[in-house]
């Protein structure tokens, strides 16, 4: 009986070897695949998720212009697929829908002086709302108009300039890396002001 049991035990050992070898080969293949996969493959997979269909033609709206809306602040942020510029509108800006955004030369409001921008393309952002209140007091006045928002570390943005405000409209110049797709939309509310609005400009990192 003992000899039979030992024989059965030895016969059962080889049955596990294919499983062990299969696991071993799979582990080695995974390591080799990791070592031989180029670094750009992961970047290509990530960028494939950034498919946009916005185009680079002008986006504009000539809708509501609430009489008490004003430009309150400007800010920028980075996203995986695009850089974002936000113009916060204060006052009673609910229903705001009046803007013009396009690739074009940027000039100062009122005097019409050229505004040079860093980057290979200039995006002109016209917000049909003043940067001053009904008493003429400035509601937005950056310390350095040529650097209204710091974007030096951004992937697509190169510069944000404040080109002034005159006769109820405000202009910003956005210098970008190249002529890239962009989109424009308006969101209700702004930080600390539920009656305000936000004009959002997104410029894609790539076509």
Foldseek 3Di string as FASTA:
>chain_A
DVVVVVVVVVVPVVVCVVVVVVVVVVVVVVVVCVVPDDPCVVVVVLQVVLDDDQDQAKDWWQDDDPPFKAFQAKEWDDDSWWIKIKTKIADQCPPPGGKIKHWDFDAAPPVRHTQDFDADTKIKIKGQAYQAGPVRHGNDDAPAQFARYDDVPPLWWHTKGWRHGDDRMTMIITHTHHSFGKDWDKAQDDVPHRSIIMIMIIGTNHD
